[in-house]
PDB file of N, CA and C in Angstrom:
ATOM      1  N   MET A   1     -38.269   6.207  -2.081  1.00  0.00           N
ATOM      2  CA  MET A   1     -39.101   6.370   0.004  1.00  0.00           C
ATOM      3  C   MET A   1     -38.090   4.851   0.985  1.00  0.00           C
ATOM      4  N   SER A   2     -38.109   4.700   1.625  1.00  0.00           N
ATOM      5  CA  SER A   2     -38.517   3.828   2.418  1.00  0.00           C
ATOM      6  C   SER A   2     -38.396   3.823   4.008  1.00  0.00           C
ATOM      7  N   SER A   3     -39.417   3.352   5.016  1.00  0.00           N
ATOM      8  CA  SER A   3     -40.211   3.387   5.743  1.00  0.00           C
ATOM      9  C   SER A   3     -38.260   2.832   7.137  1.00  0.00           C
ATOM     10  N   SER A   4     -38.675   3.533   8.496  1.00  0.00           N
ATOM     11  CA  SER A   4     -37.651   2.553   9.867  1.00  0.00           C
ATOM     12  C   SER A   4     -38.354   1.285   8.979  1.00  0.00           C
ATOM     13  N   TYR A   5     -36.995   0.476   9.787  1.00  0.00           N
ATOM     14  CA  TYR A   5     -37.239  -0.642   9.876  1.00  0.00           C
ATOM     15  C   TYR A   5     -37.850  -1.923   8.592  1.00  0.00           C
ATOM     16  N   HIS A   6     -37.386  -1.206   8.187  1.00  0.00           N
ATOM     17  CA  HIS A   6     -37.843  -1.764   6.632  1.00  0.00           C
ATOM     18  C   HIS A   6     -36.889  -1.706   5.618  1.00  0.00           C
ATOM     19  N   PRO A   7     -35.514  -2.278   5.453  1.00  0.00           N
ATOM     20  CA  PRO A   7     -34.347  -1.965   4.295  1.00  0.00           C
ATOM     21  C   PRO A   7     -34.962  -2.936   2.925  1.00  0.00           C
ATOM     22  N   GLN A   8     -35.258  -3.834   3.879  1.00  0.00           N
ATOM     23  CA  GLN A   8     -35.570  -4.621   1.891  1.00  0.00           C
ATOM     24  C   GLN A   8     -36.371  -4.095   0.935  1.00  0.00           C
ATOM     25  N   THR A   9     -37.354  -2.786   1.976  1.00  0.00           N
ATOM     26  CA  THR A   9     -37.980  -1.480   0.368  1.00  0.00           C
ATOM     27  C   THR A   9     -36.916  -1.641   0.539  1.00  0.00           C
ATOM     28  N   ASP A  10     -35.517  -0.390   0.197  1.00  0.00           N
ATOM     29  CA  ASP A  10     -34.169   0.516  -0.453  1.00  0.00           C
ATOM     30  C   ASP A  10     -33.408  -1.042  -0.383  1.00  0.00           C
ATOM     31  N   GLY A  11     -33.127  -1.857  -1.594  1.00  0.00           N
ATOM     32  CA  GLY A  11     -32.175  -2.592  -1.850  1.00  0.00           C
ATOM     33  C   GLY A  11     -31.296  -1.452  -1.944  1.00  0.00           C
ATOM     34  N   GLN A  12     -30.762  -0.463  -2.848  1.00  0.00           N
ATOM     35  CA  GLN A  12     -30.034   0.039  -3.030  1.00  0.00           C
ATOM     36  C   GLN A  12     -29.012   0.557  -1.690  1.00  0.00           C
ATOM     37  N   THR A  13     -30.367   0.912  -1.153  1.00  0.00           N
ATOM     38  CA  THR A  13     -28.756   1.117   0.632  1.00  0.00           C
ATOM     39  C   THR A  13     -28.238  -0.261   1.367  1.00  0.00           C
ATOM     40  N   GLU A  14     -29.148  -0.824   0.605  1.00  0.00           N
ATOM     41  CA  GLU A  14     -28.664  -2.233   0.518  1.00  0.00           C
ATOM     42  C   GLU A  14     -27.039  -3.348   0.841  1.00  0.00           C
ATOM     43  N   ARG A  15     -27.680  -3.255  -0.496  1.00  0.00           N
ATOM     44  CA  ARG A  15     -25.961  -3.410  -1.073  1.00  0.00           C
ATOM     45  C   ARG A  15     -25.404  -2.538  -0.903  1.00  0.00           C
ATOM     46  N   LEU A  16     -25.347  -1.321  -0.699  1.00  0.00           N
ATOM     47  CA  LEU A  16     -24.266  -0.197   0.292  1.00  0.00           C
ATOM     48  C   LEU A  16     -23.554  -0.222   0.574  1.00  0.00           C
ATOM     49  N   ASN A  17     -24.810  -1.119   2.264  1.00  0.00           N
ATOM     50  CA  ASN A  17     -24.270  -1.178   2.950  1.00  0.00           C
ATOM     51  C   ASN A  17     -23.129  -2.738   3.498  1.00  0.00           C
ATOM     52  N   GLN A  18     -23.789  -3.890   2.613  1.00  0.00           N
ATOM     53  CA  GLN A  18     -23.249  -4.966   2.615  1.00  0.00           C
ATOM     54  C   GLN A  18     -22.086  -4.578   1.901  1.00  0.00           C
ATOM     55  N   CYS A  19     -21.843  -3.908   1.440  1.00  0.00           N
ATOM     56  CA  CYS A  19     -20.233  -3.101   0.958  1.00  0.00           C
ATOM     57  C   CYS A  19     -19.561  -3.101   1.680  1.00  0.00           C
ATOM     58  N   VAL A  20     -19.477  -1.851   1.498  1.00  0.00           N
ATOM     59  CA  VAL A  20     -18.912  -1.644   3.234  1.00  0.00           C
ATOM     60  C   VAL A  20     -18.414  -2.433   3.851  1.00  0.00           C
ATOM     61  N   GLU A  21     -20.075  -2.881   4.838  1.00  0.00           N
ATOM     62  CA  GLU A  21     -19.265  -3.873   6.295  1.00  0.00           C
ATOM     63  C   GLU A  21     -18.110  -4.571   5.476  1.00  0.00           C
ATOM     64  N   ALA A  22     -18.622  -5.442   4.325  1.00  0.00           N
ATOM     65  CA  ALA A  22     -16.857  -6.296   3.963  1.00  0.00           C
ATOM     66  C   ALA A  22     -15.789  -5.912   3.606  1.00  0.00           C
ATOM     67  N   TYR A  23     -15.958  -4.437   2.428  1.00  0.00           N
ATOM     68  CA  TYR A  23     -14.685  -3.746   3.790  1.00  0.00           C
ATOM     69  C   TYR A  23     -14.088  -4.017   4.242  1.00  0.00           C
ATOM     70  N   LEU A  24     -14.585  -3.368   5.537  1.00  0.00           N
ATOM     71  CA  LEU A  24     -14.042  -3.435   7.010  1.00  0.00           C
ATOM     72  C   LEU A  24     -14.219  -4.241   7.530  1.00  0.00           C
ATOM     73  N   ARG A  25     -15.168  -4.994   6.998  1.00  0.00           N
ATOM     74  CA  ARG A  25     -14.786  -7.246   7.737  1.00  0.00           C
ATOM     75  C   ARG A  25     -12.910  -7.054   6.852  1.00  0.00           C
ATOM     76  N   CYS A  26     -12.809  -7.291   6.030  1.00  0.00           N
ATOM     77  CA  CYS A  26     -11.252  -7.166   5.686  1.00  0.00           C
ATOM     78  C   CYS A  26     -10.627  -6.385   6.518  1.00  0.00           C
ATOM     79  N   THR A  27     -11.021  -4.768   6.863  1.00  0.00           N
ATOM     80  CA  THR A  27      -9.580  -4.130   6.418  1.00  0.00           C
ATOM     81  C   THR A  27      -9.820  -3.649   8.393  1.00  0.00           C
ATOM     82  N   VAL A  28     -10.943  -3.817   9.390  1.00  0.00           N
ATOM     83  CA  VAL A  28     -10.311  -4.015  10.324  1.00  0.00           C
ATOM     84  C   VAL A  28      -9.864  -5.959  11.191  1.00  0.00           C
ATOM     85  N   HIS A  29      -9.744  -6.027  11.236  1.00  0.00           N
ATOM     86  CA  HIS A  29      -9.524  -7.399  11.501  1.00  0.00           C
ATOM     87  C   HIS A  29      -8.866  -8.307  12.701  1.00  0.00           C
ATOM     88  N   ALA A  30      -7.229  -6.477  12.513  1.00  0.00           N
ATOM     89  CA  ALA A  30      -6.423  -7.357  13.876  1.00  0.00           C
ATOM     90  C   ALA A  30      -6.384  -6.625  14.650  1.00  0.00           C
ATOM     91  N   CYS A  31      -7.602  -5.204  14.138  1.00  0.00           N
ATOM     92  CA  CYS A  31      -7.835  -4.370  14.998  1.00  0.00           C
ATOM     93  C   CYS A  31      -9.786  -3.930  15.043  1.00  0.00           C
ATOM     94  N   PRO A  32     -10.400  -4.637  16.120  1.00  0.00           N
ATOM     95  CA  PRO A  32     -12.374  -4.018  15.677  1.00  0.00           C
ATOM     96  C   PRO A  32     -12.351  -3.082  16.475  1.00  0.00           C
ATOM     97  N   SER A  33     -11.483  -2.584  17.266  1.00  0.00           N
ATOM     98  CA  SER A  33     -11.887  -1.430  18.424  1.00  0.00           C
ATOM     99  C   SER A  33     -11.866  -0.159  17.805  1.00  0.00           C
ATOM    100  N   LYS A  34     -10.546  -0.453  15.997  1.00  0.00           N
ATOM    101  CA  LYS A  34     -10.571   1.336  15.590  1.00  0.00           C
ATOM    102  C   LYS A  34     -11.843   1.108  14.330  1.00  0.00           C
ATOM    103  N   TRP A  35     -12.757   0.469  14.278  1.00  0.00           N
ATOM    104  CA  TRP A  35     -13.135   0.800  12.268  1.00  0.00           C
ATOM    105  C   TRP A  35     -13.644   1.594  12.323  1.00  0.00           C
ATOM    106  N   SER A  36     -14.524   2.179  13.371  1.00  0.00           N
ATOM    107  CA  SER A  36     -13.994   4.380  12.804  1.00  0.00           C
ATOM    108  C   SER A  36     -12.917   4.758  12.229  1.00  0.00           C
ATOM    109  N   GLN A  37     -11.815   4.965  12.649  1.00  0.00           N
ATOM    110  CA  GLN A  37     -10.466   5.133  11.893  1.00  0.00           C
ATOM    111  C   GLN A  37     -10.599   4.992   9.922  1.00  0.00           C
ATOM    112  N   TRP A  38     -11.446   4.169   9.724  1.00  0.00           N
ATOM    113  CA  TRP A  38     -11.643   3.102   8.415  1.00  0.00           C
ATOM    114  C   TRP A  38     -12.879   3.668   7.646  1.00  0.00           C
ATOM    115  N   ILE A  39     -13.294   3.743   7.809  1.00  0.00           N
ATOM    116  CA  ILE A  39     -14.699   5.017   7.576  1.00  0.00           C
ATOM    117  C   ILE A  39     -14.039   5.511   6.280  1.00  0.00           C
ATOM    118  N   PRO A  40     -12.837   6.443   6.280  1.00  0.00           N
ATOM    119  CA  PRO A  40     -13.028   7.289   4.939  1.00  0.00           C
ATOM    120  C   PRO A  40     -12.204   6.585   3.588  1.00  0.00           C
ATOM    121  N   GLN A  41     -11.472   5.333   4.129  1.00  0.00           N
ATOM    122  CA  GLN A  41     -11.023   4.716   2.858  1.00  0.00           C
ATOM    123  C   GLN A  41     -11.804   4.069   2.652  1.00  0.00           C
ATOM    124  N   ALA A  42     -12.922   3.291   3.528  1.00  0.00           N
ATOM    125  CA  ALA A  42     -14.153   2.769   2.569  1.00  0.00           C
ATOM    126  C   ALA A  42     -15.569   3.914   1.788  1.00  0.00           C
ATOM    127  N   GLN A  43     -14.818   3.837   2.614  1.00  0.00           N
ATOM    128  CA  GLN A  43     -15.609   5.441   1.392  1.00  0.00           C
ATOM    129  C   GLN A  43     -14.298   6.032  -0.065  1.00  0.00           C
ATOM    130  N   TYR A  44     -13.371   5.928   0.331  1.00  0.00           N
ATOM    131  CA  TYR A  44     -12.674   5.964  -0.966  1.00  0.00           C
ATOM    132  C   TYR A  44     -12.835   5.003  -1.791  1.00  0.00           C
ATOM    133  N   TRP A  45     -12.748   3.647  -0.995  1.00  0.00           N
ATOM    134  CA  TRP A  45     -12.871   2.753  -1.845  1.00  0.00           C
ATOM    135  C   TRP A  45     -13.990   2.097  -3.156  1.00  0.00           C
ATOM    136  N   TYR A  46     -15.736   2.670  -2.037  1.00  0.00           N
ATOM    137  CA  TYR A  46     -16.426   2.325  -2.862  1.00  0.00           C
ATOM    138  C   TYR A  46     -16.638   3.761  -4.005  1.00  0.00           C
ATOM    139  N   ASN A  47     -15.868   4.551  -3.500  1.00  0.00           N
ATOM    140  CA  ASN A  47     -16.632   6.254  -4.816  1.00  0.00           C
ATOM    141  C   ASN A  47     -15.195   5.740  -6.309  1.00  0.00           C
ATOM    142  N   THR A  48     -14.428   5.211  -5.838  1.00  0.00           N
ATOM    143  CA  THR A  48     -13.729   4.971  -6.956  1.00  0.00           C
ATOM    144  C   THR A  48     -13.066   3.547  -7.218  1.00  0.00           C
ATOM    145  N   THR A  49     -14.856   2.359  -7.217  1.00  0.00           N
ATOM    146  CA  THR A  49     -14.369   1.406  -7.594  1.00  0.00           C
ATOM    147  C   THR A  49     -15.719   1.537  -9.201  1.00  0.00           C
ATOM    148  N   PHE A  50     -15.617   0.495  -9.483  1.00  0.00           N
ATOM    149  CA  PHE A  50     -16.425   0.857 -11.077  1.00  0.00           C
ATOM    150  C   PHE A  50     -17.334  -0.023 -10.708  1.00  0.00           C
ATOM    151  N   HIS A  51     -18.517   1.397 -11.056  1.00  0.00           N
ATOM    152  CA  HIS A  51     -20.347   0.795 -10.637  1.00  0.00           C
ATOM    153  C   HIS A  51     -20.988  -0.191 -12.091  1.00  0.00           C
ATOM    154  N   THR A  52     -20.778  -1.434 -12.200  1.00  0.00           N
ATOM    155  CA  THR A  52     -21.790  -1.135 -13.733  1.00  0.00           C
ATOM    156  C   THR A  52     -23.123  -0.324 -13.793  1.00  0.00           C
ATOM    157  N   ALA A  53     -23.819  -0.262 -12.970  1.00  0.00           N
ATOM    158  CA  ALA A  53     -24.967   0.074 -12.728  1.00  0.00           C
ATOM    159  C   ALA A  53     -24.198   2.172 -13.728  1.00  0.00           C
ATOM    160  N   LEU A  54     -23.173   2.053 -13.023  1.00  0.00           N
ATOM    161  CA  LEU A  54     -22.975   4.191 -14.489  1.00  0.00           C
ATOM    162  C   LEU A  54     -21.795   3.567 -15.287  1.00  0.00           C
ATOM    163  N   GLY A  55     -20.830   2.463 -15.528  1.00  0.00           N
ATOM    164  CA  GLY A  55     -20.222   2.571 -16.697  1.00  0.00           C
ATOM    165  C   GLY A  55     -18.892   2.950 -16.136  1.00  0.00           C
ATOM    166  N   LYS A  56     -19.035   3.950 -14.781  1.00  0.00           N
ATOM    167  CA  LYS A  56     -18.220   4.465 -14.093  1.00  0.00           C
ATOM    168  C   LYS A  56     -17.723   3.872 -13.556  1.00  0.00           C
ATOM    169  N   THR A  57     -16.248   5.440 -12.351  1.00  0.00           N
ATOM    170  CA  THR A  57     -16.820   4.907 -10.988  1.00  0.00           C
ATOM    171  C   THR A  57     -17.166   6.415 -10.932  1.00  0.00           C
ATOM    172  N   PRO A  58     -17.661   6.559  -9.044  1.00  0.00           N
ATOM    173  CA  PRO A  58     -19.134   7.664  -8.744  1.00  0.00           C
ATOM    174  C   PRO A  58     -17.857   8.618  -8.809  1.00  0.00           C
ATOM    175  N   TYR A  59     -17.065   8.365  -8.660  1.00  0.00           N
ATOM    176  CA  TYR A  59     -16.109   9.913  -8.131  1.00  0.00           C
ATOM    177  C   TYR A  59     -15.275  10.465 -10.036  1.00  0.00           C
ATOM    178  N   GLU A  60     -15.830   9.126 -10.893  1.00  0.00           N
ATOM    179  CA  GLU A  60     -15.471   9.586 -12.793  1.00  0.00           C
ATOM    180  C   GLU A  60     -17.051  10.759 -12.649  1.00  0.00           C
ATOM    181  N   ILE A  61     -18.162   9.855 -12.101  1.00  0.00           N
ATOM    182  CA  ILE A  61     -19.339  10.372 -12.927  1.00  0.00           C
ATOM    183  C   ILE A  61     -19.700  11.927 -12.227  1.00  0.00           C
ATOM    184  N   LEU A  62     -19.118  12.496 -10.891  1.00  0.00           N
ATOM    185  CA  LEU A  62     -19.013  14.144  -9.946  1.00  0.00           C
ATOM    186  C   LEU A  62     -18.318  14.656 -10.141  1.00  0.00           C
ATOM    187  N   PHE A  63     -16.633  13.847 -10.302  1.00  0.00           N
ATOM    188  CA  PHE A  63     -15.838  15.797 -10.815  1.00  0.00           C
ATOM    189  C   PHE A  63     -15.317  15.402 -12.447  1.00  0.00           C
ATOM    190  N   ALA A  64     -15.484  14.431 -13.203  1.00  0.00           N
ATOM    191  CA  ALA A  64     -15.387  14.244 -14.531  1.00  0.00           C
ATOM    192  C   ALA A  64     -14.426  14.057 -14.848  1.00  0.00           C
ATOM    193  N   ARG A  65     -13.498  13.003 -14.270  1.00  0.00           N
ATOM    194  CA  ARG A  65     -12.014  12.454 -14.232  1.00  0.00           C
ATOM    195  C   ARG A  65     -11.431  12.272 -13.495  1.00  0.00           C
ATOM    196  N   LYS A  66     -10.820  10.404 -13.945  1.00  0.00           N
ATOM    197  CA  LYS A  66     -10.424   9.706 -13.291  1.00  0.00           C
ATOM    198  C   LYS A  66     -10.060   9.807 -11.982  1.00  0.00           C
ATOM    199  N   PRO A  67     -10.276   9.210 -10.570  1.00  0.00           N
ATOM    200  CA  PRO A  67      -9.833   8.956  -9.071  1.00  0.00           C
ATOM    201  C   PRO A  67      -7.780   9.402  -9.820  1.00  0.00           C
ATOM    202  N   THR A  68      -7.255   9.437  -8.692  1.00  0.00           N
ATOM    203  CA  THR A  68      -5.755   9.795  -7.874  1.00  0.00           C
ATOM    204  C   THR A  68      -5.987   8.596  -6.668  1.00  0.00           C
ATOM    205  N   HIS A  69      -5.170   7.372  -7.150  1.00  0.00           N
ATOM    206  CA  HIS A  69      -5.024   6.923  -6.004  1.00  0.00           C
ATOM    207  C   HIS A  69      -3.777   7.555  -5.102  1.00  0.00           C
ATOM    208  N   PHE A  70      -4.149   7.141  -4.047  1.00  0.00           N
ATOM    209  CA  PHE A  70      -3.181   7.027  -3.061  1.00  0.00           C
ATOM    210  C   PHE A  70      -1.728   6.395  -3.359  1.00  0.00           C
ATOM    211  N   GLY A  71      -0.615   7.781  -2.962  1.00  0.00           N
ATOM    212  CA  GLY A  71       0.726   7.768  -3.286  1.00  0.00           C
ATOM    213  C   GLY A  71       1.046   7.872  -4.985  1.00  0.00           C
ATOM    214  N   GLU A  72       0.146   7.616  -5.738  1.00  0.00           N
ATOM    215  CA  GLU A  72       0.717   8.127  -7.188  1.00  0.00           C
ATOM    216  C   GLU A  72       1.012   9.745  -7.894  1.00  0.00           C
ATOM    217  N   VAL A  73       1.869   9.549  -8.191  1.00  0.00           N
ATOM    218  CA  VAL A  73       1.905  10.603  -8.611  1.00  0.00           C
ATOM    219  C   VAL A  73       3.393  10.557  -9.397  1.00  0.00           C
ATOM    220  N   ASP A  74       3.312  12.151 -10.157  1.00  0.00           N
ATOM    221  CA  ASP A  74       3.995  12.292 -11.350  1.00  0.00           C
ATOM    222  C   ASP A  74       4.938  12.468 -11.109  1.00  0.00           C
ATOM    223  N   LEU A  75       5.962  11.447 -10.930  1.00  0.00           N
ATOM    224  CA  LEU A  75       7.040  12.218 -10.372  1.00  0.00           C
ATOM    225  C   LEU A  75       8.227  11.958 -11.719  1.00  0.00           C
ATOM    226  N   GLY A  76       7.366  11.833 -12.836  1.00  0.00           N
ATOM    227  CA  GLY A  76       9.138  12.190 -13.741  1.00  0.00           C
ATOM    228  C   GLY A  76       9.820  11.904 -14.296  1.00  0.00           C
ATOM    229  N   GLN A  77      10.896  12.328 -14.327  1.00  0.00           N
ATOM    230  CA  GLN A  77      12.527  11.499 -14.423  1.00  0.00           C
ATOM    231  C   GLN A  77      13.063  11.571 -13.020  1.00  0.00           C
ATOM    232  N   SER A  78      13.257  10.809 -12.766  1.00  0.00           N
ATOM    233  CA  SER A  78      14.196  10.190 -11.654  1.00  0.00           C
ATOM    234  C   SER A  78      14.923   8.818 -11.770  1.00  0.00           C
ATOM    235  N   THR A  79      16.014   9.950 -10.722  1.00  0.00           N
ATOM    236  CA  THR A  79      16.935   8.757 -11.383  1.00  0.00           C
ATOM    237  C   THR A  79      17.735   7.479 -10.877  1.00  0.00           C
ATOM    238  N   VAL A  80      15.860   7.623  -9.589  1.00  0.00           N
ATOM    239  CA  VAL A  80      15.935   5.854  -9.520  1.00  0.00           C
ATOM    240  C   VAL A  80      15.766   4.791 -10.062  1.00  0.00           C
ATOM    241  N   PRO A  81      16.790   3.908 -11.059  1.00  0.00           N
ATOM    242  CA  PRO A  81      15.709   3.119 -11.930  1.00  0.00           C
ATOM    243  C   PRO A  81      14.528   1.946 -11.113  1.00  0.00           C
ATOM    244  N   ASP A  82      14.506   2.087  -9.480  1.00  0.00           N
ATOM    245  CA  ASP A  82      12.517   1.365  -9.412  1.00  0.00           C
ATOM    246  C   ASP A  82      11.887   2.224  -9.582  1.00  0.00           C
ATOM    247  N   VAL A  83      12.607   3.304  -8.963  1.00  0.00           N
ATOM    248  CA  VAL A  83      11.361   4.686  -9.209  1.00  0.00           C
ATOM    249  C   VAL A  83      10.718   4.657 -10.813  1.00  0.00           C
ATOM    250  N   GLN A  84      11.627   4.967 -11.707  1.00  0.00           N
ATOM    251  CA  GLN A  84      10.793   4.945 -12.925  1.00  0.00           C
ATOM    252  C   GLN A  84      10.585   4.268 -13.245  1.00  0.00           C
ATOM    253  N   THR A  85      10.744   2.166 -12.924  1.00  0.00           N
ATOM    254  CA  THR A  85       9.942   1.736 -13.698  1.00  0.00           C
ATOM    255  C   THR A  85       9.077   1.985 -13.043  1.00  0.00           C
ATOM    256  N   TRP A  86       8.047   1.355 -11.466  1.00  0.00           N
ATOM    257  CA  TRP A  86       6.966   1.986 -10.728  1.00  0.00           C
ATOM    258  C   TRP A  86       6.327   3.015 -11.641  1.00  0.00           C
TER     259      TRP A  86
END
């Protein structure tokens, strides 16, 4: 537990805040007034990133399976060569 106005007492929360801040800084550079729209993507990014302390992603720990990433679907066999290669 940490007290108000003493964030140095909770290193884990501070580290999480640093990661999310860095992610948002990179993604909202072009349009800084809309940073709040990027929060769900930041949450997804953090939860699907490998954590050395866990040895897995937080998503894998919680759901016991690997996350599916945006845009990745099982297309099976495709008649379009580029899709099949991808």
